[in-house]
């Protein structure tokens, strides 16, 4: 068994990590959020990145989780795994880690290759309790994890320029308040992420620190992994694999 598989097994087997009650889950988030570490990410040293995603059935009764490892230089798939699962935690905004991470962890435990960085389709510190799914995964496994989401959960931001690579900071606050100001991060506002334009004239993505990475390095890595499309390639491949796997499972049942 690989070191990552051993970590996954320990995390999944610990009942303290998986409370049934939402109030207990919030309390657990607050405890684990104190363990998030921000560390410099040397993007030039990253060779393999695992993209992670979860896809739900139409009635939310089942889900598929996928992990796809890509070579950063060639963007070719090195290894991929997809699994099906029945969620055991309710669908509650801000608590997705307790619902989605068990199958994601199971997929990671099946990988034979060890990536340098993990890239989640979701948030890290850009979260009301600074503990989105990317931070949750990173802290549980003590691995470098970046969050890259397609929509806003929490935070205020201005609109970045239309050019690829343009960005503006996300700061703590409710997302419905979106001031158009380049000075948003002044006056001691807490920066919790970046709004990053990965493709000119296309909607941006929302990058945040998960664990053991920094925001600047995370944004640089996401941009490198998005040469053609809005969504970074590892997550895009994971999303597609999730969809294919879920359709295959439905076809087998039918």
C-alpha atoms as a PDB file:
ATOM      1  CA  UNK A   1       0.000   0.000   0.000  1.00  0.00           C
ATOM      2  CA  UNK A   2       1.326   3.456  -0.922  1.00  0.00           C
ATOM      3  CA  UNK A   3       1.883   6.176   1.669  1.00  0.00           C
ATOM      4  CA  UNK A   4      -1.057   8.167   0.296  1.00  0.00           C
ATOM      5  CA  UNK A   5      -3.302   5.089   0.415  1.00  0.00           C
ATOM      6  CA  UNK A   6      -2.310   4.556   4.053  1.00  0.00           C
ATOM      7  CA  UNK A   7      -3.147   8.174   4.881  1.00  0.00           C
ATOM      8  CA  UNK A   8      -6.482   7.842   3.104  1.00  0.00           C
ATOM      9  CA  UNK A   9      -7.337   4.684   5.033  1.00  0.00           C
ATOM     10  CA  UNK A  10      -6.546   6.346   8.380  1.00  0.00           C
ATOM     11  CA  UNK A  11      -8.620   9.422   7.532  1.00  0.00           C
ATOM     12  CA  UNK A  12     -11.624   7.421   6.337  1.00  0.00           C
ATOM     13  CA  UNK A  13     -11.518   5.093   9.335  1.00  0.00           C
ATOM     14  CA  UNK A  14     -11.536   7.923  11.895  1.00  0.00           C
ATOM     15  CA  UNK A  15     -15.188   8.625  12.867  1.00  0.00           C
ATOM     16  CA  UNK A  16     -14.217  12.027  14.281  1.00  0.00           C
ATOM     17  CA  UNK A  17     -13.673  13.208  10.698  1.00  0.00           C
ATOM     18  CA  UNK A  18     -17.216  12.351   9.597  1.00  0.00           C
ATOM     19  CA  UNK A  19     -19.903  13.708  11.933  1.00  0.00           C
ATOM     20  CA  UNK A  20     -23.528  13.098  10.989  1.00  0.00           C
ATOM     21  CA  UNK A  21     -24.947  16.303  12.422  1.00  0.00           C
ATOM     22  CA  UNK A  22     -24.414  19.590  10.496  1.00  0.00           C
ATOM     23  CA  UNK A  23     -23.758  21.536  13.710  1.00  0.00           C
ATOM     24  CA  UNK A  24     -21.040  19.070  14.655  1.00  0.00           C
ATOM     25  CA  UNK A  25     -19.635  19.370  11.131  1.00  0.00           C
ATOM     26  CA  UNK A  26     -19.377  23.157  11.471  1.00  0.00           C
ATOM     27  CA  UNK A  27     -17.604  22.734  14.804  1.00  0.00           C
ATOM     28  CA  UNK A  28     -15.213  20.245  13.213  1.00  0.00           C
ATOM     29  CA  UNK A  29     -14.495  22.701  10.394  1.00  0.00           C
ATOM     30  CA  UNK A  30     -13.553  25.389  12.890  1.00  0.00           C
ATOM     31  CA  UNK A  31     -11.119  23.049  14.623  1.00  0.00           C
ATOM     32  CA  UNK A  32      -9.487  21.867  11.408  1.00  0.00           C
ATOM     33  CA  UNK A  33      -9.343  25.377   9.895  1.00  0.00           C
ATOM     34  CA  UNK A  34      -6.694  26.282  12.477  1.00  0.00           C
ATOM     35  CA  UNK A  35      -4.432  23.640  10.922  1.00  0.00           C
ATOM     36  CA  UNK A  36      -4.392  25.159   7.424  1.00  0.00           C
ATOM     37  CA  UNK A  37      -0.853  26.208   6.473  1.00  0.00           C
ATOM     38  CA  UNK A  38       0.128  28.677   3.770  1.00  0.00           C
ATOM     39  CA  UNK A  39       3.499  27.741   2.260  1.00  0.00           C
ATOM     40  CA  UNK A  40       5.358  28.930  -0.864  1.00  0.00           C
ATOM     41  CA  UNK A  41       4.525  26.855  -3.937  1.00  0.00           C
ATOM     42  CA  UNK A  42       7.440  26.455  -6.354  1.00  0.00           C
ATOM     43  CA  UNK A  43       5.427  26.129  -9.553  1.00  0.00           C
ATOM     44  CA  UNK A  44       8.516  25.339 -11.650  1.00  0.00           C
ATOM     45  CA  UNK A  45       9.114  22.240  -9.516  1.00  0.00           C
ATOM     46  CA  UNK A  46       5.600  20.861 -10.028  1.00  0.00           C
ATOM     47  CA  UNK A  47       5.598  17.968 -12.492  1.00  0.00           C
ATOM     48  CA  UNK A  48       2.359  16.110 -11.800  1.00  0.00           C
ATOM     49  CA  UNK A  49      -1.003  17.571 -10.782  1.00  0.00           C
ATOM     50  CA  UNK A  50      -4.113  15.612  -9.792  1.00  0.00           C
ATOM     51  CA  UNK A  51      -7.427  17.170 -10.804  1.00  0.00           C
ATOM     52  CA  UNK A  52     -10.375  16.247  -8.570  1.00  0.00           C
ATOM     53  CA  UNK A  53     -14.078  16.561  -9.235  1.00  0.00           C
ATOM     54  CA  UNK A  54     -17.455  15.183  -8.161  1.00  0.00           C
ATOM     55  CA  UNK A  55     -20.572  14.747 -10.309  1.00  0.00           C
ATOM     56  CA  UNK A  56     -24.081  14.221  -8.930  1.00  0.00           C
ATOM     57  CA  UNK A  57     -26.935  12.198 -10.313  1.00  0.00           C
ATOM     58  CA  UNK A  58     -29.985  14.238 -11.312  1.00  0.00           C
ATOM     59  CA  UNK A  59     -31.794  13.427  -8.069  1.00  0.00           C
ATOM     60  CA  UNK A  60     -28.627  13.852  -5.935  1.00  0.00           C
ATOM     61  CA  UNK A  61     -29.010  10.261  -4.724  1.00  0.00           C
ATOM     62  CA  UNK A  62     -25.611   9.133  -6.000  1.00  0.00           C
ATOM     63  CA  UNK A  63     -22.367  10.663  -7.155  1.00  0.00           C
ATOM     64  CA  UNK A  64     -19.220   9.884  -9.079  1.00  0.00           C
ATOM     65  CA  UNK A  65     -15.784  11.086  -7.985  1.00  0.00           C
ATOM     66  CA  UNK A  66     -12.746  11.261 -10.239  1.00  0.00           C
ATOM     67  CA  UNK A  67      -9.023  11.867  -9.829  1.00  0.00           C
ATOM     68  CA  UNK A  68      -6.989  12.527 -12.982  1.00  0.00           C
ATOM     69  CA  UNK A  69      -3.212  13.052 -12.880  1.00  0.00           C
ATOM     70  CA  UNK A  70      -1.706  15.174 -15.664  1.00  0.00           C
ATOM     71  CA  UNK A  71       1.873  15.901 -16.645  1.00  0.00           C
ATOM     72  CA  UNK A  72       2.275  19.672 -16.303  1.00  0.00           C
ATOM     73  CA  UNK A  73       4.628  19.986 -19.290  1.00  0.00           C
ATOM     74  CA  UNK A  74       2.674  17.909 -21.808  1.00  0.00           C
ATOM     75  CA  UNK A  75      -0.804  18.072 -20.219  1.00  0.00           C
ATOM     76  CA  UNK A  76      -1.141  14.389 -21.002  1.00  0.00           C
ATOM     77  CA  UNK A  77      -3.059  12.083 -18.675  1.00  0.00           C
ATOM     78  CA  UNK A  78      -0.737   9.925 -16.586  1.00  0.00           C
ATOM     79  CA  UNK A  79      -3.365   8.065 -14.569  1.00  0.00           C
ATOM     80  CA  UNK A  80      -7.065   8.346 -13.794  1.00  0.00           C
ATOM     81  CA  UNK A  81      -9.572   6.773 -11.415  1.00  0.00           C
ATOM     82  CA  UNK A  82     -13.350   7.161 -11.084  1.00  0.00           C
ATOM     83  CA  UNK A  83     -15.681   5.620  -8.528  1.00  0.00           C
ATOM     84  CA  UNK A  84     -19.370   5.697  -7.618  1.00  0.00           C
ATOM     85  CA  UNK A  85     -20.715   6.382  -4.157  1.00  0.00           C
ATOM     86  CA  UNK A  86     -23.875   6.951  -2.155  1.00  0.00           C
ATOM     87  CA  UNK A  87     -23.485  10.168  -0.125  1.00  0.00           C
ATOM     88  CA  UNK A  88     -23.988   9.866   3.629  1.00  0.00           C
ATOM     89  CA  UNK A  89     -24.087  13.584   4.523  1.00  0.00           C
ATOM     90  CA  UNK A  90     -26.791  16.078   3.479  1.00  0.00           C
ATOM     91  CA  UNK A  91     -26.324  18.589   0.670  1.00  0.00           C
ATOM     92  CA  UNK A  92     -25.546  21.780   2.635  1.00  0.00           C
ATOM     93  CA  UNK A  93     -23.670  24.760   1.218  1.00  0.00           C
ATOM     94  CA  UNK A  94     -20.389  25.311   3.027  1.00  0.00           C
ATOM     95  CA  UNK A  95     -20.220  21.696   4.228  1.00  0.00           C
ATOM     96  CA  UNK A  96     -19.588  19.904   0.949  1.00  0.00           C
ATOM     97  CA  UNK A  97     -16.360  18.371   2.233  1.00  0.00           C
ATOM     98  CA  UNK A  98     -18.261  16.026   4.536  1.00  0.00           C
ATOM     99  CA  UNK A  99     -20.413  14.841   1.620  1.00  0.00           C
ATOM    100  CA  UNK A 100     -17.908  14.757  -1.238  1.00  0.00           C
ATOM    101  CA  UNK A 101     -14.528  13.954   0.277  1.00  0.00           C
ATOM    102  CA  UNK A 102     -15.118  10.291   1.232  1.00  0.00           C
ATOM    103  CA  UNK A 103     -15.449   9.203  -2.433  1.00  0.00           C
ATOM    104  CA  UNK A 104     -12.684  11.603  -3.509  1.00  0.00           C
ATOM    105  CA  UNK A 105     -10.414  10.062  -0.887  1.00  0.00           C
ATOM    106  CA  UNK A 106     -11.338   6.583  -2.065  1.00  0.00           C
ATOM    107  CA  UNK A 107     -10.360   7.549  -5.607  1.00  0.00           C
ATOM    108  CA  UNK A 108      -7.049   9.018  -4.418  1.00  0.00           C
ATOM    109  CA  UNK A 109      -6.299   5.873  -2.452  1.00  0.00           C
ATOM    110  CA  UNK A 110      -6.579   3.858  -5.663  1.00  0.00           C
ATOM    111  CA  UNK A 111      -3.954   5.874  -7.552  1.00  0.00           C
ATOM    112  CA  UNK A 112      -0.573   4.278  -8.154  1.00  0.00           C
ATOM    113  CA  UNK A 113       1.090   7.594  -9.039  1.00  0.00           C
ATOM    114  CA  UNK A 114       1.818  10.298  -6.468  1.00  0.00           C
ATOM    115  CA  UNK A 115       1.197  13.846  -7.738  1.00  0.00           C
ATOM    116  CA  UNK A 116       3.049  16.921  -6.512  1.00  0.00           C
ATOM    117  CA  UNK A 117      -0.071  19.062  -6.113  1.00  0.00           C
ATOM    118  CA  UNK A 118      -3.811  18.381  -5.942  1.00  0.00           C
ATOM    119  CA  UNK A 119      -6.292  20.708  -7.683  1.00  0.00           C
ATOM    120  CA  UNK A 120      -9.890  20.736  -6.438  1.00  0.00           C
ATOM    121  CA  UNK A 121     -12.953  21.995  -8.262  1.00  0.00           C
ATOM    122  CA  UNK A 122     -13.943  24.030  -5.224  1.00  0.00           C
ATOM    123  CA  UNK A 123     -12.756  26.479  -2.599  1.00  0.00           C
ATOM    124  CA  UNK A 124     -10.104  26.494   0.059  1.00  0.00           C
ATOM    125  CA  UNK A 125      -9.835  29.551   2.294  1.00  0.00           C
ATOM    126  CA  UNK A 126     -12.429  31.475   0.237  1.00  0.00           C
ATOM    127  CA  UNK A 127     -15.082  30.129   2.561  1.00  0.00           C
ATOM    128  CA  UNK A 128     -17.071  31.608   5.481  1.00  0.00           C
ATOM    129  CA  UNK A 129     -14.985  29.571   7.940  1.00  0.00           C
ATOM    130  CA  UNK A 130     -11.860  29.570   5.732  1.00  0.00           C
ATOM    131  CA  UNK A 131     -12.261  25.835   5.258  1.00  0.00           C
ATOM    132  CA  UNK A 132     -13.703  24.815   1.932  1.00  0.00           C
ATOM    133  CA  UNK A 133     -13.315  21.398   0.366  1.00  0.00           C
ATOM    134  CA  UNK A 134      -9.750  22.090  -0.881  1.00  0.00           C
ATOM    135  CA  UNK A 135      -8.577  23.016   2.620  1.00  0.00           C
ATOM    136  CA  UNK A 136     -10.503  20.099   4.086  1.00  0.00           C
ATOM    137  CA  UNK A 137      -8.747  17.621   1.808  1.00  0.00           C
ATOM    138  CA  UNK A 138      -5.347  19.222   2.322  1.00  0.00           C
ATOM    139  CA  UNK A 139      -5.529  19.204   6.100  1.00  0.00           C
ATOM    140  CA  UNK A 140      -6.861  15.647   6.341  1.00  0.00           C
ATOM    141  CA  UNK A 141      -4.025  14.286   4.191  1.00  0.00           C
ATOM    142  CA  UNK A 142      -1.436  17.037   4.927  1.00  0.00           C
ATOM    143  CA  UNK A 143      -0.804  17.526   1.206  1.00  0.00           C
ATOM    144  CA  UNK A 144      -0.510  20.590  -1.097  1.00  0.00           C
ATOM    145  CA  UNK A 145      -3.996  21.411  -2.406  1.00  0.00           C
ATOM    146  CA  UNK A 146      -5.223  24.321  -4.551  1.00  0.00           C
ATOM    147  CA  UNK A 147      -8.859  25.365  -4.905  1.00  0.00           C
ATOM    148  CA  UNK A 148     -10.147  26.507  -8.300  1.00  0.00           C
ATOM    149  CA  UNK A 149     -13.891  27.103  -8.525  1.00  0.00           C
ATOM    150  CA  UNK A 150     -16.238  28.207 -11.303  1.00  0.00           C
ATOM    151  CA  UNK A 151     -18.526  30.320  -9.100  1.00  0.00           C
ATOM    152  CA  UNK A 152     -18.381  32.310  -5.873  1.00  0.00           C
ATOM    153  CA  UNK A 153     -19.308  30.857  -2.502  1.00  0.00           C
ATOM    154  CA  UNK A 154     -18.095  33.708  -0.305  1.00  0.00           C
ATOM    155  CA  UNK A 155     -16.162  36.924  -0.762  1.00  0.00           C
ATOM    156  CA  UNK A 156     -16.210  40.348  -2.423  1.00  0.00           C
ATOM    157  CA  UNK A 157     -14.241  41.213  -5.533  1.00  0.00           C
ATOM    158  CA  UNK A 158     -14.004  43.599  -8.439  1.00  0.00           C
ATOM    159  CA  UNK A 159     -14.018  42.450 -12.057  1.00  0.00           C
ATOM    160  CA  UNK A 160     -10.586  41.647 -13.557  1.00  0.00           C
ATOM    161  CA  UNK A 161      -9.505  42.928 -16.963  1.00  0.00           C
ATOM    162  CA  UNK A 162     -10.511  40.980 -20.053  1.00  0.00           C
ATOM    163  CA  UNK A 163      -6.954  39.877 -20.841  1.00  0.00           C
ATOM    164  CA  UNK A 164      -5.761  36.365 -19.990  1.00  0.00           C
ATOM    165  CA  UNK A 165      -3.872  36.484 -16.696  1.00  0.00           C
ATOM    166  CA  UNK A 166      -5.727  39.511 -15.334  1.00  0.00           C
ATOM    167  CA  UNK A 167      -6.848  39.147 -11.742  1.00  0.00           C
ATOM    168  CA  UNK A 168      -8.342  40.938  -8.772  1.00  0.00           C
ATOM    169  CA  UNK A 169      -8.312  39.948  -5.086  1.00  0.00           C
ATOM    170  CA  UNK A 170     -11.200  38.309  -3.296  1.00  0.00           C
ATOM    171  CA  UNK A 171     -11.679  39.615   0.219  1.00  0.00           C
ATOM    172  CA  UNK A 172     -13.760  38.379   3.125  1.00  0.00           C
ATOM    173  CA  UNK A 173     -17.422  39.318   2.833  1.00  0.00           C
ATOM    174  CA  UNK A 174     -20.692  38.232   1.294  1.00  0.00           C
ATOM    175  CA  UNK A 175     -20.462  37.570  -2.437  1.00  0.00           C
ATOM    176  CA  UNK A 176     -23.608  39.488  -3.296  1.00  0.00           C
ATOM    177  CA  UNK A 177     -21.739  42.728  -2.531  1.00  0.00           C
ATOM    178  CA  UNK A 178     -19.432  43.224  -5.503  1.00  0.00           C
ATOM    179  CA  UNK A 179     -17.870  46.714  -5.529  1.00  0.00           C
ATOM    180  CA  UNK A 180     -16.077  47.724  -8.718  1.00  0.00           C
ATOM    181  CA  UNK A 181     -12.876  48.955  -7.140  1.00  0.00           C
ATOM    182  CA  UNK A 182      -9.222  48.063  -7.760  1.00  0.00           C
ATOM    183  CA  UNK A 183      -8.445  49.156  -4.179  1.00  0.00           C
ATOM    184  CA  UNK A 184     -10.529  46.389  -2.663  1.00  0.00           C
ATOM    185  CA  UNK A 185      -7.700  44.784  -0.710  1.00  0.00           C
ATOM    186  CA  UNK A 186      -6.623  47.967   1.047  1.00  0.00           C
ATOM    187  CA  UNK A 187      -7.389  49.085   4.604  1.00  0.00           C
ATOM    188  CA  UNK A 188      -6.567  45.723   6.114  1.00  0.00           C
ATOM    189  CA  UNK A 189      -9.165  43.676   4.243  1.00  0.00           C
ATOM    190  CA  UNK A 190      -8.504  39.942   4.485  1.00  0.00           C
ATOM    191  CA  UNK A 191      -7.547  38.534   1.081  1.00  0.00           C
ATOM    192  CA  UNK A 192      -8.985  35.025   0.725  1.00  0.00           C
ATOM    193  CA  UNK A 193      -8.496  34.326  -2.986  1.00  0.00           C
ATOM    194  CA  UNK A 194      -8.051  35.621  -6.528  1.00  0.00           C
ATOM    195  CA  UNK A 195     -10.467  36.128  -9.379  1.00  0.00           C
ATOM    196  CA  UNK A 196      -8.353  34.974 -12.321  1.00  0.00           C
ATOM    197  CA  UNK A 197      -9.022  35.385 -16.033  1.00  0.00           C
ATOM    198  CA  UNK A 198      -7.666  32.197 -17.613  1.00  0.00           C
ATOM    199  CA  UNK A 199      -9.029  32.971 -21.070  1.00  0.00           C
ATOM    200  CA  UNK A 200      -9.521  36.403 -22.660  1.00  0.00           C
ATOM    201  CA  UNK A 201     -13.123  37.585 -22.680  1.00  0.00           C
ATOM    202  CA  UNK A 202     -14.378  34.489 -20.806  1.00  0.00           C
ATOM    203  CA  UNK A 203     -15.674  34.276 -17.235  1.00  0.00           C
ATOM    204  CA  UNK A 204     -12.881  34.025 -14.658  1.00  0.00           C
ATOM    205  CA  UNK A 205     -12.200  31.255 -12.165  1.00  0.00           C
ATOM    206  CA  UNK A 206     -11.855  31.699  -8.409  1.00  0.00           C
ATOM    207  CA  UNK A 207      -8.550  30.524  -6.955  1.00  0.00           C
ATOM    208  CA  UNK A 208      -7.847  30.043  -3.263  1.00  0.00           C
ATOM    209  CA  UNK A 209      -5.333  28.369  -0.990  1.00  0.00           C
ATOM    210  CA  UNK A 210      -6.297  24.911   0.150  1.00  0.00           C
ATOM    211  CA  UNK A 211      -3.314  23.789   2.230  1.00  0.00           C
ATOM    212  CA  UNK A 212       0.491  23.957   2.015  1.00  0.00           C
ATOM    213  CA  UNK A 213       0.444  26.343  -0.970  1.00  0.00           C
ATOM    214  CA  UNK A 214       0.359  30.136  -1.343  1.00  0.00           C
ATOM    215  CA  UNK A 215      -2.087  32.254  -3.309  1.00  0.00           C
ATOM    216  CA  UNK A 216       0.387  33.639  -5.839  1.00  0.00           C
ATOM    217  CA  UNK A 217       1.779  30.203  -6.676  1.00  0.00           C
ATOM    218  CA  UNK A 218      -1.713  28.706  -6.802  1.00  0.00           C
ATOM    219  CA  UNK A 219      -2.890  31.310  -9.312  1.00  0.00           C
ATOM    220  CA  UNK A 220       0.245  30.852 -11.425  1.00  0.00           C
ATOM    221  CA  UNK A 221      -0.251  27.082 -11.498  1.00  0.00           C
ATOM    222  CA  UNK A 222      -3.928  27.385 -12.450  1.00  0.00           C
ATOM    223  CA  UNK A 223      -3.026  29.756 -15.286  1.00  0.00           C
ATOM    224  CA  UNK A 224      -0.332  27.398 -16.601  1.00  0.00           C
ATOM    225  CA  UNK A 225      -2.808  24.542 -16.547  1.00  0.00           C
ATOM    226  CA  UNK A 226      -5.400  26.517 -18.532  1.00  0.00           C
ATOM    227  CA  UNK A 227      -3.761  27.160 -21.947  1.00  0.00           C
ATOM    228  CA  UNK A 228      -6.946  26.786 -24.021  1.00  0.00           C
ATOM    229  CA  UNK A 229      -9.990  26.611 -21.783  1.00  0.00           C
ATOM    230  CA  UNK A 230     -11.419  28.479 -18.821  1.00  0.00           C
ATOM    231  CA  UNK A 231     -11.156  25.501 -16.464  1.00  0.00           C
ATOM    232  CA  UNK A 232      -7.656  24.111 -15.719  1.00  0.00           C
ATOM    233  CA  UNK A 233      -6.927  20.906 -17.606  1.00  0.00           C
ATOM    234  CA  UNK A 234      -6.695  18.477 -14.641  1.00  0.00           C
ATOM    235  CA  UNK A 235     -10.125  19.542 -13.356  1.00  0.00           C
ATOM    236  CA  UNK A 236     -11.580  19.607 -16.865  1.00  0.00           C
ATOM    237  CA  UNK A 237     -10.455  16.011 -17.422  1.00  0.00           C
ATOM    238  CA  UNK A 238     -11.782  14.970 -14.004  1.00  0.00           C
ATOM    239  CA  UNK A 239     -15.129  16.598 -14.739  1.00  0.00           C
ATOM    240  CA  UNK A 240     -15.405  14.768 -18.052  1.00  0.00           C
ATOM    241  CA  UNK A 241     -14.412  11.451 -16.495  1.00  0.00           C
ATOM    242  CA  UNK A 242     -17.039  11.927 -13.773  1.00  0.00           C
ATOM    243  CA  UNK A 243     -19.732  12.428 -16.378  1.00  0.00           C
ATOM    244  CA  UNK A 244     -18.650   9.431 -18.425  1.00  0.00           C
ATOM    245  CA  UNK A 245     -18.453   7.225 -15.354  1.00  0.00           C
ATOM    246  CA  UNK A 246     -21.872   8.276 -14.083  1.00  0.00           C
ATOM    247  CA  UNK A 247     -23.446   7.551 -17.495  1.00  0.00           C
ATOM    248  CA  UNK A 248     -21.755   4.147 -17.620  1.00  0.00           C
ATOM    249  CA  UNK A 249     -23.062   3.266 -14.162  1.00  0.00           C
ATOM    250  CA  UNK A 250     -26.604   4.310 -15.126  1.00  0.00           C
ATOM    251  CA  UNK A 251     -26.388   2.296 -18.346  1.00  0.00           C
ATOM    252  CA  UNK A 252     -25.237  -0.779 -16.432  1.00  0.00           C
ATOM    253  CA  UNK A 253     -28.184  -0.455 -14.038  1.00  0.00           C
ATOM    254  CA  UNK A 254     -30.608  -0.010 -16.915  1.00  0.00           C
END
